[in-house]
Amino acid sequence: MSLALDYPGFKTLLLAAALPPVPMLLLAAWGGWRLRRGRRLGALLLGLALAGIWLSATEAAGELLSRAAGQPAVLRPGQVDALRGRSDGAVLVLGGGVKRHAPEFGAGAPARFTAERLAYGVWVARRSGWPLAFSGGIGWTATELRQPEADIIARVAAEDYGLPLRWAEAHSRDTRENAAHTLPLLAKAGVKQVVLVTHEAHMRRALRAFEAEAAPLGIHLLPAPVGLQDDALSSFDDWCPSVEGFARVRYVLYETLAWWAGR
């Protein structure tokens, strides 16, 4: 029996090997092996591995990595208020994953990243008076999904937030396809300015894809990042491992790898 590794499987395997904690575990294994040959080098490698495992689960490391990658500026409430009165704008939320089935709801539900983006997108839409759009289909690695993200979010936006989507793009599989499929749809409706909602770590990559599509259509983009923090460095807790810190470090590194890969 042969084992075929398709693109989603290869991508998942590659990311598992590249993101924490696997690199540090491999470094620790190398250090343990080197202890038998050279005590000093082996101890150094083990120390680096343990320090890396600790830091890779802290909010502080995630904040430093985010700043190094180029953190976007926050969209302040006053800037959102200034949008009110214009009739050629739209608030576009980019999908960040959904749960195929959440037992407590008896239906599909937004995953954490999508839930945070949607909540902020709804807030911006209500404060600005602009209609809401969402872009997200079935991602390359979301092989378990049977229903596009946009279909699930359309229901959640209408039922839970009382703000139905004006546009729901359900065919894109990645950020570049988000831009390629959604902006022509908005341009056809006369939209000239788009508030782009996604996480701060994803914003640089999203803008690269969307600006390439927006320029020929005459659409102006206004970044609206989610997940920024006032300060994640000065508290003792910021330097202690946490679930949130581990998730943020992995996400920033994931987005950095995707940026370098041009995806």
C-alpha atoms as a PDB file:
ATOM      1  CA  MET A   1       0.000   0.000   0.000  1.00  0.00           C
ATOM      2  CA  SER A   2       1.427   3.390  -0.995  1.00  0.00           C
ATOM      3  CA  LEU A   3       1.099   6.584   1.031  1.00  0.00           C
ATOM      4  CA  ALA A   4       0.310   9.652  -1.100  1.00  0.00           C
ATOM      5  CA  LEU A   5       1.062  13.035   0.447  1.00  0.00           C
ATOM      6  CA  ASP A   6      -1.030  15.777  -1.182  1.00  0.00           C
ATOM      7  CA  TYR A   7      -0.456  19.527  -0.839  1.00  0.00           C
ATOM      8  CA  PRO A   8      -2.580  20.002   2.335  1.00  0.00           C
ATOM      9  CA  GLY A   9      -0.838  17.048   3.984  1.00  0.00           C
ATOM     10  CA  PHE A  10       2.610  18.292   2.981  1.00  0.00           C
ATOM     11  CA  LYS A  11       1.828  21.802   4.246  1.00  0.00           C
ATOM     12  CA  THR A  12       0.596  20.454   7.580  1.00  0.00           C
ATOM     13  CA  LEU A  13       3.698  18.287   7.985  1.00  0.00           C
ATOM     14  CA  LEU A  14       6.032  21.149   7.059  1.00  0.00           C
ATOM     15  CA  LEU A  15       4.384  23.539   9.505  1.00  0.00           C
ATOM     16  CA  ALA A  16       4.479  20.955  12.285  1.00  0.00           C
ATOM     17  CA  ALA A  17       8.232  20.636  11.806  1.00  0.00           C
ATOM     18  CA  ALA A  18       8.890  24.383  11.525  1.00  0.00           C
ATOM     19  CA  LEU A  19       6.753  25.774  14.350  1.00  0.00           C
ATOM     20  CA  PRO A  20       7.327  25.505  18.116  1.00  0.00           C
ATOM     21  CA  PRO A  21       7.851  23.320  19.995  1.00  0.00           C
ATOM     22  CA  VAL A  22       9.294  20.883  17.412  1.00  0.00           C
ATOM     23  CA  PRO A  23      12.495  22.836  16.523  1.00  0.00           C
ATOM     24  CA  MET A  24      13.379  23.197  20.204  1.00  0.00           C
ATOM     25  CA  LEU A  25      12.645  19.537  20.886  1.00  0.00           C
ATOM     26  CA  LEU A  26      14.962  18.575  18.045  1.00  0.00           C
ATOM     27  CA  LEU A  27      17.615  20.901  19.459  1.00  0.00           C
ATOM     28  CA  ALA A  28      17.189  19.275  22.878  1.00  0.00           C
ATOM     29  CA  ALA A  29      17.565  15.828  21.326  1.00  0.00           C
ATOM     30  CA  TRP A  30      20.746  16.954  19.603  1.00  0.00           C
ATOM     31  CA  GLY A  31      22.030  18.375  22.873  1.00  0.00           C
ATOM     32  CA  GLY A  32      21.322  15.113  24.667  1.00  0.00           C
ATOM     33  CA  TRP A  33      23.180  13.206  21.981  1.00  0.00           C
ATOM     34  CA  ARG A  34      26.123  15.637  22.163  1.00  0.00           C
ATOM     35  CA  LEU A  35      26.381  15.173  25.936  1.00  0.00           C
ATOM     36  CA  ARG A  36      27.878  11.763  25.256  1.00  0.00           C
ATOM     37  CA  ARG A  37      30.588  13.292  23.078  1.00  0.00           C
ATOM     38  CA  GLY A  38      31.189  16.757  24.459  1.00  0.00           C
ATOM     39  CA  ARG A  39      29.674  17.752  27.779  1.00  0.00           C
ATOM     40  CA  ARG A  40      30.034  21.520  27.276  1.00  0.00           C
ATOM     41  CA  LEU A  41      28.439  21.696  23.832  1.00  0.00           C
ATOM     42  CA  GLY A  42      25.681  19.284  24.788  1.00  0.00           C
ATOM     43  CA  ALA A  43      24.828  21.312  27.889  1.00  0.00           C
ATOM     44  CA  LEU A  44      24.764  24.517  25.823  1.00  0.00           C
ATOM     45  CA  LEU A  45      22.390  23.034  23.271  1.00  0.00           C
ATOM     46  CA  LEU A  46      20.099  21.702  25.980  1.00  0.00           C
ATOM     47  CA  GLY A  47      20.093  25.082  27.703  1.00  0.00           C
ATOM     48  CA  LEU A  48      19.213  26.864  24.466  1.00  0.00           C
ATOM     49  CA  ALA A  49      16.442  24.354  23.796  1.00  0.00           C
ATOM     50  CA  LEU A  50      14.916  24.785  27.254  1.00  0.00           C
ATOM     51  CA  ALA A  51      15.109  28.579  27.008  1.00  0.00           C
ATOM     52  CA  GLY A  52      13.518  28.420  23.549  1.00  0.00           C
ATOM     53  CA  ILE A  53      10.672  26.228  24.783  1.00  0.00           C
ATOM     54  CA  TRP A  54      10.009  28.645  27.643  1.00  0.00           C
ATOM     55  CA  LEU A  55      10.111  31.806  25.524  1.00  0.00           C
ATOM     56  CA  SER A  56       8.063  30.308  22.689  1.00  0.00           C
ATOM     57  CA  ALA A  57       5.104  30.096  25.063  1.00  0.00           C
ATOM     58  CA  THR A  58       5.205  33.703  26.330  1.00  0.00           C
ATOM     59  CA  GLU A  59       3.250  36.801  25.343  1.00  0.00           C
ATOM     60  CA  ALA A  60       6.466  38.826  25.474  1.00  0.00           C
ATOM     61  CA  ALA A  61       8.162  36.727  22.792  1.00  0.00           C
ATOM     62  CA  GLY A  62       5.064  36.973  20.625  1.00  0.00           C
ATOM     63  CA  GLU A  63       5.019  40.765  21.011  1.00  0.00           C
ATOM     64  CA  LEU A  64       8.720  41.104  20.142  1.00  0.00           C
ATOM     65  CA  LEU A  65       8.327  38.874  17.088  1.00  0.00           C
ATOM     66  CA  SER A  66       5.279  40.844  15.964  1.00  0.00           C
ATOM     67  CA  ARG A  67       7.135  44.146  16.249  1.00  0.00           C
ATOM     68  CA  ALA A  68      10.118  42.748  14.393  1.00  0.00           C
ATOM     69  CA  ALA A  69       7.848  41.582  11.555  1.00  0.00           C
ATOM     70  CA  GLY A  70       6.307  45.053  11.195  1.00  0.00           C
ATOM     71  CA  GLN A  71       3.308  45.652  13.411  1.00  0.00           C
ATOM     72  CA  PRO A  72       0.444  47.624  11.800  1.00  0.00           C
ATOM     73  CA  ALA A  73      -1.012  50.725  13.409  1.00  0.00           C
ATOM     74  CA  VAL A  74      -4.302  50.456  15.248  1.00  0.00           C
ATOM     75  CA  LEU A  75      -7.460  51.869  13.621  1.00  0.00           C
ATOM     76  CA  ARG A  76      -8.638  54.263  16.291  1.00  0.00           C
ATOM     77  CA  PRO A  77     -12.328  54.899  17.122  1.00  0.00           C
ATOM     78  CA  GLY A  78     -12.042  58.472  15.859  1.00  0.00           C
ATOM     79  CA  GLN A  79     -10.919  57.211  12.466  1.00  0.00           C
ATOM     80  CA  VAL A  80     -13.910  54.865  12.355  1.00  0.00           C
ATOM     81  CA  ASP A  81     -16.292  57.705  13.274  1.00  0.00           C
ATOM     82  CA  ALA A  82     -14.884  59.782  10.406  1.00  0.00           C
ATOM     83  CA  LEU A  83     -16.103  57.156   7.921  1.00  0.00           C
ATOM     84  CA  ARG A  84     -19.755  57.754   8.748  1.00  0.00           C
ATOM     85  CA  GLY A  85     -21.689  59.483   6.006  1.00  0.00           C
ATOM     86  CA  ARG A  86     -19.809  57.932   3.090  1.00  0.00           C
ATOM     87  CA  SER A  87     -21.849  55.631   0.886  1.00  0.00           C
ATOM     88  CA  ASP A  88     -19.021  53.971  -1.065  1.00  0.00           C
ATOM     89  CA  GLY A  89     -17.387  51.950   1.708  1.00  0.00           C
ATOM     90  CA  ALA A  90     -17.516  48.420   3.093  1.00  0.00           C
ATOM     91  CA  VAL A  91     -16.079  46.550   6.069  1.00  0.00           C
ATOM     92  CA  LEU A  92     -14.424  43.312   4.941  1.00  0.00           C
ATOM     93  CA  VAL A  93     -13.628  40.562   7.448  1.00  0.00           C
ATOM     94  CA  LEU A  94     -11.188  37.837   6.380  1.00  0.00           C
ATOM     95  CA  GLY A  95     -11.837  34.287   7.521  1.00  0.00           C
ATOM     96  CA  GLY A  96      -9.474  32.660   9.996  1.00  0.00           C
ATOM     97  CA  GLY A  97     -11.019  29.229  10.400  1.00  0.00           C
ATOM     98  CA  VAL A  98     -14.266  27.704  11.610  1.00  0.00           C
ATOM     99  CA  LYS A  99     -15.352  24.653  13.563  1.00  0.00           C
ATOM    100  CA  ARG A 100     -17.237  22.185  11.417  1.00  0.00           C
ATOM    101  CA  HIS A 101     -19.587  21.431  14.298  1.00  0.00           C
ATOM    102  CA  ALA A 102     -19.797  22.939  17.772  1.00  0.00           C
ATOM    103  CA  PRO A 103     -21.937  20.594  19.936  1.00  0.00           C
ATOM    104  CA  GLU A 104     -23.098  23.405  22.224  1.00  0.00           C
ATOM    105  CA  PHE A 105     -24.597  25.239  19.238  1.00  0.00           C
ATOM    106  CA  GLY A 106     -25.555  22.196  17.208  1.00  0.00           C
ATOM    107  CA  ALA A 107     -23.989  23.778  14.131  1.00  0.00           C
ATOM    108  CA  GLY A 108     -20.752  25.128  12.706  1.00  0.00           C
ATOM    109  CA  ALA A 109     -19.160  28.025  14.570  1.00  0.00           C
ATOM    110  CA  PRO A 110     -16.306  30.481  14.060  1.00  0.00           C
ATOM    111  CA  ALA A 111     -12.926  29.453  15.458  1.00  0.00           C
ATOM    112  CA  ARG A 112     -11.084  31.860  17.737  1.00  0.00           C
ATOM    113  CA  PHE A 113      -9.408  34.012  15.080  1.00  0.00           C
ATOM    114  CA  THR A 114     -12.548  34.326  12.990  1.00  0.00           C
ATOM    115  CA  ALA A 115     -14.673  35.080  16.053  1.00  0.00           C
ATOM    116  CA  GLU A 116     -12.338  37.924  17.081  1.00  0.00           C
ATOM    117  CA  ARG A 117     -12.264  39.370  13.568  1.00  0.00           C
ATOM    118  CA  LEU A 118     -16.026  39.119  13.165  1.00  0.00           C
ATOM    119  CA  ALA A 119     -16.721  40.809  16.511  1.00  0.00           C
ATOM    120  CA  TYR A 120     -14.477  43.743  15.581  1.00  0.00           C
ATOM    121  CA  GLY A 121     -15.832  43.894  12.031  1.00  0.00           C
ATOM    122  CA  VAL A 122     -19.387  44.124  13.344  1.00  0.00           C
ATOM    123  CA  TRP A 123     -18.307  46.902  15.731  1.00  0.00           C
ATOM    124  CA  VAL A 124     -16.666  48.882  12.913  1.00  0.00           C
ATOM    125  CA  ALA A 125     -19.648  48.338  10.608  1.00  0.00           C
ATOM    126  CA  ARG A 126     -22.135  49.575  13.183  1.00  0.00           C
ATOM    127  CA  ARG A 127     -20.022  52.567  14.199  1.00  0.00           C
ATOM    128  CA  SER A 128     -19.280  53.595  10.615  1.00  0.00           C
ATOM    129  CA  GLY A 129     -22.655  52.674   9.152  1.00  0.00           C
ATOM    130  CA  TRP A 130     -20.919  50.706   6.396  1.00  0.00           C
ATOM    131  CA  PRO A 131     -22.163  47.308   5.169  1.00  0.00           C
ATOM    132  CA  LEU A 132     -20.367  44.145   6.227  1.00  0.00           C
ATOM    133  CA  ALA A 133     -18.610  41.638   3.958  1.00  0.00           C
ATOM    134  CA  PHE A 134     -16.855  38.361   4.697  1.00  0.00           C
ATOM    135  CA  SER A 135     -14.389  36.324   2.639  1.00  0.00           C
ATOM    136  CA  GLY A 136     -13.571  32.689   3.298  1.00  0.00           C
ATOM    137  CA  GLY A 137     -14.208  29.360   1.652  1.00  0.00           C
ATOM    138  CA  ILE A 138     -12.648  26.011   2.513  1.00  0.00           C
ATOM    139  CA  GLY A 139      -8.925  26.465   3.115  1.00  0.00           C
ATOM    140  CA  TRP A 140      -6.239  24.253   1.629  1.00  0.00           C
ATOM    141  CA  THR A 141      -5.697  22.375   4.899  1.00  0.00           C
ATOM    142  CA  ALA A 142      -9.314  22.457   6.152  1.00  0.00           C
ATOM    143  CA  THR A 143     -10.021  19.049   4.684  1.00  0.00           C
ATOM    144  CA  GLU A 144     -12.615  18.235   7.345  1.00  0.00           C
ATOM    145  CA  LEU A 145     -14.918  21.092   6.342  1.00  0.00           C
ATOM    146  CA  ARG A 146     -17.970  20.465   4.198  1.00  0.00           C
ATOM    147  CA  GLN A 147     -19.408  23.961   4.446  1.00  0.00           C
ATOM    148  CA  PRO A 148     -17.482  27.134   3.477  1.00  0.00           C
ATOM    149  CA  GLU A 149     -16.523  29.575   6.210  1.00  0.00           C
ATOM    150  CA  ALA A 150     -18.654  32.310   4.651  1.00  0.00           C
ATOM    151  CA  ASP A 151     -21.823  30.212   4.927  1.00  0.00           C
ATOM    152  CA  ILE A 152     -21.276  29.637   8.652  1.00  0.00           C
ATOM    153  CA  ILE A 153     -20.388  33.272   9.321  1.00  0.00           C
ATOM    154  CA  ALA A 154     -23.399  34.534   7.356  1.00  0.00           C
ATOM    155  CA  ARG A 155     -25.634  32.650   9.786  1.00  0.00           C
ATOM    156  CA  VAL A 156     -23.706  33.805  12.866  1.00  0.00           C
ATOM    157  CA  ALA A 157     -23.660  37.448  11.756  1.00  0.00           C
ATOM    158  CA  ALA A 158     -27.399  37.461  11.134  1.00  0.00           C
ATOM    159  CA  GLU A 159     -28.565  35.392  14.111  1.00  0.00           C
ATOM    160  CA  ASP A 160     -26.060  36.302  16.832  1.00  0.00           C
ATOM    161  CA  TYR A 161     -25.144  39.870  15.891  1.00  0.00           C
ATOM    162  CA  GLY A 162     -28.304  40.928  14.090  1.00  0.00           C
ATOM    163  CA  LEU A 163     -26.204  42.292  11.235  1.00  0.00           C
ATOM    164  CA  PRO A 164     -26.586  40.257   8.027  1.00  0.00           C
ATOM    165  CA  LEU A 165     -23.672  40.183   5.625  1.00  0.00           C
ATOM    166  CA  ARG A 166     -24.098  42.289   2.499  1.00  0.00           C
ATOM    167  CA  TRP A 167     -21.490  40.154   0.692  1.00  0.00           C
ATOM    168  CA  ALA A 168     -20.326  36.608   1.492  1.00  0.00           C
ATOM    169  CA  GLU A 169     -17.479  35.271  -0.673  1.00  0.00           C
ATOM    170  CA  ALA A 170     -17.277  31.494  -0.179  1.00  0.00           C
ATOM    171  CA  HIS A 171     -14.812  30.197  -2.783  1.00  0.00           C
ATOM    172  CA  SER A 172     -11.377  31.422  -1.663  1.00  0.00           C
ATOM    173  CA  ARG A 173      -8.857  28.997  -0.172  1.00  0.00           C
ATOM    174  CA  ASP A 174      -6.139  31.410   0.941  1.00  0.00           C
ATOM    175  CA  THR A 175      -5.350  35.108   1.324  1.00  0.00           C
ATOM    176  CA  ARG A 176      -4.528  35.715  -2.319  1.00  0.00           C
ATOM    177  CA  GLU A 177      -7.826  34.184  -3.377  1.00  0.00           C
ATOM    178  CA  ASN A 178      -9.622  36.285  -0.725  1.00  0.00           C
ATOM    179  CA  ALA A 179      -8.397  39.350  -2.582  1.00  0.00           C
ATOM    180  CA  ALA A 180      -8.911  38.019  -6.101  1.00  0.00           C
ATOM    181  CA  HIS A 181     -12.495  36.897  -5.481  1.00  0.00           C
ATOM    182  CA  THR A 182     -13.801  39.574  -3.121  1.00  0.00           C
ATOM    183  CA  LEU A 183     -12.540  42.920  -4.425  1.00  0.00           C
ATOM    184  CA  PRO A 184     -14.130  42.596  -7.903  1.00  0.00           C
ATOM    185  CA  LEU A 185     -17.390  41.719  -6.159  1.00  0.00           C
ATOM    186  CA  LEU A 186     -17.187  44.893  -4.060  1.00  0.00           C
ATOM    187  CA  ALA A 187     -16.061  47.056  -6.976  1.00  0.00           C
ATOM    188  CA  LYS A 188     -19.053  45.904  -9.002  1.00  0.00           C
ATOM    189  CA  ALA A 189     -21.268  47.217  -6.197  1.00  0.00           C
ATOM    190  CA  GLY A 190     -19.592  50.631  -6.323  1.00  0.00           C
ATOM    191  CA  VAL A 191     -17.336  50.225  -3.279  1.00  0.00           C
ATOM    192  CA  LYS A 192     -14.306  52.543  -3.350  1.00  0.00           C
ATOM    193  CA  GLN A 193     -12.976  52.146   0.180  1.00  0.00           C
ATOM    194  CA  VAL A 194     -12.576  48.940   2.186  1.00  0.00           C
ATOM    195  CA  VAL A 195     -11.847  48.583   5.882  1.00  0.00           C
ATOM    196  CA  LEU A 196      -9.821  45.371   5.951  1.00  0.00           C
ATOM    197  CA  VAL A 197     -10.221  43.391   9.174  1.00  0.00           C
ATOM    198  CA  THR A 198      -7.754  40.650  10.062  1.00  0.00           C
ATOM    199  CA  HIS A 199      -5.222  39.894  12.790  1.00  0.00           C
ATOM    200  CA  GLU A 200      -2.188  42.126  13.194  1.00  0.00           C
ATOM    201  CA  ALA A 201       0.226  39.307  12.361  1.00  0.00           C
ATOM    202  CA  HIS A 202      -1.681  38.554   9.153  1.00  0.00           C
ATOM    203  CA  MET A 203      -2.178  42.165   8.061  1.00  0.00           C
ATOM    204  CA  ARG A 204       1.142  42.626   6.235  1.00  0.00           C
ATOM    205  CA  ARG A 205       0.534  39.554   4.090  1.00  0.00           C
ATOM    206  CA  ALA A 206      -3.123  40.476   3.541  1.00  0.00           C
ATOM    207  CA  LEU A 207      -2.228  43.987   2.399  1.00  0.00           C
ATOM    208  CA  ARG A 208       0.311  42.633  -0.074  1.00  0.00           C
ATOM    209  CA  ALA A 209      -2.356  40.470  -1.691  1.00  0.00           C
ATOM    210  CA  PHE A 210      -5.170  43.030  -1.528  1.00  0.00           C
ATOM    211  CA  GLU A 211      -3.183  46.047  -2.715  1.00  0.00           C
ATOM    212  CA  ALA A 212      -2.219  44.197  -5.887  1.00  0.00           C
ATOM    213  CA  GLU A 213      -5.900  43.598  -6.657  1.00  0.00           C
ATOM    214  CA  ALA A 214      -7.243  46.901  -5.309  1.00  0.00           C
ATOM    215  CA  ALA A 215      -5.099  49.312  -7.347  1.00  0.00           C
ATOM    216  CA  PRO A 216      -6.554  48.443 -10.786  1.00  0.00           C
ATOM    217  CA  LEU A 217     -10.083  48.642  -9.341  1.00  0.00           C
ATOM    218  CA  GLY A 218      -9.553  52.065  -7.770  1.00  0.00           C
ATOM    219  CA  ILE A 219     -10.235  50.763  -4.264  1.00  0.00           C
ATOM    220  CA  HIS A 220      -8.519  52.269  -1.221  1.00  0.00           C
ATOM    221  CA  LEU A 221      -7.704  49.961   1.699  1.00  0.00           C
ATOM    222  CA  LEU A 222      -7.844  50.962   5.348  1.00  0.00           C
ATOM    223  CA  PRO A 223      -6.157  48.361   7.621  1.00  0.00           C
ATOM    224  CA  ALA A 224      -8.099  47.443  10.765  1.00  0.00           C
ATOM    225  CA  PRO A 225      -5.916  44.985  12.697  1.00  0.00           C
ATOM    226  CA  VAL A 226      -7.192  42.788  15.511  1.00  0.00           C
ATOM    227  CA  GLY A 227      -5.063  41.425  18.354  1.00  0.00           C
ATOM    228  CA  LEU A 228      -2.817  44.395  19.085  1.00  0.00           C
ATOM    229  CA  GLN A 229      -1.787  44.917  22.700  1.00  0.00           C
ATOM    230  CA  ASP A 230      -0.924  48.094  24.591  1.00  0.00           C
ATOM    231  CA  ASP A 231       1.892  46.386  26.455  1.00  0.00           C
ATOM    232  CA  ALA A 232       2.980  42.758  26.555  1.00  0.00           C
ATOM    233  CA  LEU A 233       6.519  43.220  27.837  1.00  0.00           C
ATOM    234  CA  SER A 234       6.543  44.932  31.227  1.00  0.00           C
ATOM    235  CA  SER A 235       4.564  42.482  33.359  1.00  0.00           C
ATOM    236  CA  PHE A 236       6.127  39.397  34.948  1.00  0.00           C
ATOM    237  CA  ASP A 237       3.230  37.367  33.561  1.00  0.00           C
ATOM    238  CA  ASP A 238       4.203  38.414  30.034  1.00  0.00           C
ATOM    239  CA  TRP A 239       7.431  36.430  30.397  1.00  0.00           C
ATOM    240  CA  CYS A 240       5.756  33.334  31.817  1.00  0.00           C
ATOM    241  CA  PRO A 241       4.420  30.510  29.606  1.00  0.00           C
ATOM    242  CA  SER A 242       0.723  30.621  28.782  1.00  0.00           C
ATOM    243  CA  VAL A 243      -1.671  29.134  26.263  1.00  0.00           C
ATOM    244  CA  GLU A 244      -2.238  32.588  24.775  1.00  0.00           C
ATOM    245  CA  GLY A 245       1.489  33.258  24.503  1.00  0.00           C
ATOM    246  CA  PHE A 246       2.179  29.930  22.810  1.00  0.00           C
ATOM    247  CA  ALA A 247      -0.641  30.526  20.313  1.00  0.00           C
ATOM    248  CA  ARG A 248       0.590  34.033  19.498  1.00  0.00           C
ATOM    249  CA  VAL A 249       4.213  32.991  18.948  1.00  0.00           C
ATOM    250  CA  ARG A 250       3.141  30.178  16.653  1.00  0.00           C
ATOM    251  CA  TYR A 251       0.813  32.457  14.710  1.00  0.00           C
ATOM    252  CA  VAL A 252       3.405  35.201  14.193  1.00  0.00           C
ATOM    253  CA  LEU A 253       5.957  32.625  13.038  1.00  0.00           C
ATOM    254  CA  TYR A 254       3.382  31.008  10.754  1.00  0.00           C
ATOM    255  CA  GLU A 255       2.596  34.350   9.128  1.00  0.00           C
ATOM    256  CA  THR A 256       6.308  35.138   8.762  1.00  0.00           C
ATOM    257  CA  LEU A 257       6.926  31.837   6.991  1.00  0.00           C
ATOM    258  CA  ALA A 258       3.894  32.439   4.746  1.00  0.00           C
ATOM    259  CA  TRP A 259       5.207  35.925   3.895  1.00  0.00           C
ATOM    260  CA  TRP A 260       8.608  34.559   2.894  1.00  0.00           C
ATOM    261  CA  ALA A 261       6.951  31.805   0.871  1.00  0.00           C
ATOM    262  CA  GLY A 262       4.900  34.409  -0.972  1.00  0.00           C
ATOM    263  CA  ARG A 263       1.620  32.702  -0.104  1.00  0.00           C
END
